[in-house]
Amino acid sequence: LPEVARLLGVSEPEARAALGDLVYDDPGTGRLVEAPEYLSGNVRTKLRAAQAAAETDPRFETNVRALQRVIPRDLGPGEIDAAFGAPFLPAPLIQQFLQETLR
């Protein structure tokens, strides 16, 4: 932020305002995070953190609104598809499934 302010020839608060929703104040780290990074990953965890922070600091209301827009809808059990060998499925779980299914 200091560098952006210097390049724009304005104060840091003015530079932060000029950046708008290109960056977000991360309530967990206190640093500015670029929007693509902040609005991806585990957005549900980030939303809970932003909601907690917004209770005491209204500037995090922007974070809450932005995160609510990017939260994916919950999938039903029939919509979840995972192939054998998917990296998030541990081998013991696949073995257990096969043993129970094929006896």
Protein backbone atom coordinates (compact mmCIF):
# COMPACT_ATOMS: atom_id res chain seq x y z
CA LEU A 1 0.00 0.00 0.00
CA PRO A 2 2.78 2.49 0.72
CA GLU A 3 4.20 1.88 -2.75
CA VAL A 4 0.82 2.28 -4.43
CA ALA A 5 0.27 5.51 -2.50
CA ARG A 6 3.69 6.78 -3.55
CA LEU A 7 3.08 5.92 -7.21
CA LEU A 8 -0.31 7.62 -7.17
CA GLY A 9 0.99 10.59 -5.21
CA VAL A 10 -1.72 10.23 -2.56
CA SER A 11 -1.99 9.21 1.09
CA GLU A 12 -2.30 5.54 2.06
CA PRO A 13 -6.01 5.85 2.96
CA GLU A 14 -6.64 7.47 -0.44
CA ALA A 15 -4.67 4.72 -2.18
CA ARG A 16 -6.66 2.05 -0.33
CA ALA A 17 -9.91 3.73 -1.37
CA ALA A 18 -8.69 3.91 -4.99
CA LEU A 19 -7.98 0.17 -5.00
CA GLY A 20 -11.61 -0.50 -4.07
CA ASP A 21 -12.58 -4.13 -4.47
CA LEU A 22 -9.38 -5.04 -6.31
CA VAL A 23 -8.01 -5.94 -2.87
CA TYR A 24 -9.46 -6.97 0.48
CA ASP A 25 -8.25 -6.47 4.03
CA ASP A 26 -7.74 -9.99 5.38
CA PRO A 27 -9.07 -10.02 8.96
CA GLY A 28 -6.88 -13.00 9.81
CA THR A 29 -3.54 -11.57 8.72
CA GLY A 30 -4.22 -7.84 8.62
CA ARG A 31 -2.68 -7.58 5.16
CA LEU A 32 -4.14 -6.57 1.82
CA VAL A 33 -4.92 -9.52 -0.42
CA GLU A 34 -5.67 -9.33 -4.13
CA ALA A 35 -9.31 -10.10 -4.93
CA PRO A 36 -8.69 -13.31 -6.94
CA GLU A 37 -6.74 -14.79 -4.04
CA TYR A 38 -9.13 -13.63 -1.33
CA LEU A 39 -12.27 -14.74 -3.17
CA SER A 40 -11.01 -18.27 -3.85
CA GLY A 41 -9.94 -21.25 -1.80
CA ASN A 42 -11.88 -22.07 1.34
CA VAL A 43 -14.31 -19.17 1.05
CA ARG A 44 -16.65 -20.56 3.71
CA THR A 45 -13.88 -20.30 6.33
CA LYS A 46 -12.98 -16.83 5.09
CA LEU A 47 -16.64 -15.81 5.31
CA ARG A 48 -16.88 -16.90 8.95
CA ALA A 49 -13.72 -14.92 9.75
CA ALA A 50 -15.04 -11.86 7.90
CA GLN A 51 -18.41 -12.07 9.67
CA ALA A 52 -16.69 -12.25 13.07
CA ALA A 53 -14.46 -9.29 12.18
CA ALA A 54 -17.42 -7.28 10.86
CA GLU A 55 -19.10 -7.50 14.26
CA THR A 56 -16.46 -5.15 15.66
CA ASP A 57 -15.18 -3.40 12.52
CA PRO A 58 -17.67 -2.35 9.82
CA ARG A 59 -15.01 -2.15 7.09
CA PHE A 60 -15.18 -5.96 6.86
CA GLU A 61 -18.83 -5.81 5.73
CA THR A 62 -17.43 -5.45 2.20
CA ASN A 63 -15.59 -8.74 2.64
CA VAL A 64 -18.74 -10.46 3.87
CA ARG A 65 -20.80 -9.31 0.87
CA ALA A 66 -18.09 -10.28 -1.63
CA LEU A 67 -17.58 -13.72 -0.08
CA GLN A 68 -21.32 -14.39 0.03
CA ARG A 69 -21.45 -13.76 -3.74
CA VAL A 70 -18.78 -16.38 -4.49
CA ILE A 71 -19.89 -19.17 -2.12
CA PRO A 72 -20.83 -22.13 -4.30
CA ARG A 73 -24.17 -23.78 -3.68
CA ASP A 74 -24.12 -26.94 -1.61
CA LEU A 75 -24.23 -30.15 -3.63
CA GLY A 76 -26.61 -32.97 -2.85
CA PRO A 77 -25.29 -36.52 -2.39
CA GLY A 78 -26.34 -37.48 -5.92
CA GLU A 79 -24.35 -34.60 -7.41
CA ILE A 80 -21.01 -35.63 -5.95
CA ASP A 81 -18.90 -37.75 -8.25
CA ALA A 82 -15.44 -39.02 -7.45
CA ALA A 83 -13.41 -41.42 -9.55
CA PHE A 84 -11.21 -44.11 -8.05
CA GLY A 85 -7.72 -42.72 -7.80
CA ALA A 86 -8.88 -39.16 -7.11
CA PRO A 87 -6.13 -37.56 -5.01
CA PHE A 88 -8.55 -36.54 -2.26
CA LEU A 89 -9.71 -40.14 -1.71
CA PRO A 90 -7.28 -42.05 0.50
CA ALA A 91 -6.53 -45.61 -0.62
CA PRO A 92 -7.81 -47.19 2.64
CA LEU A 93 -11.21 -45.57 2.07
CA ILE A 94 -11.40 -47.02 -1.45
CA GLN A 95 -10.39 -50.45 -0.12
CA GLN A 96 -13.09 -50.27 2.57
CA PHE A 97 -15.69 -49.27 -0.03
CA LEU A 98 -14.74 -52.16 -2.33
CA GLN A 99 -14.77 -54.67 0.54
CA GLU A 100 -18.23 -53.55 1.67
CA THR A 101 -19.63 -53.34 -1.83
CA LEU A 102 -18.15 -56.52 -3.31
CA ARG A 103 -18.03 -58.45 -0.03
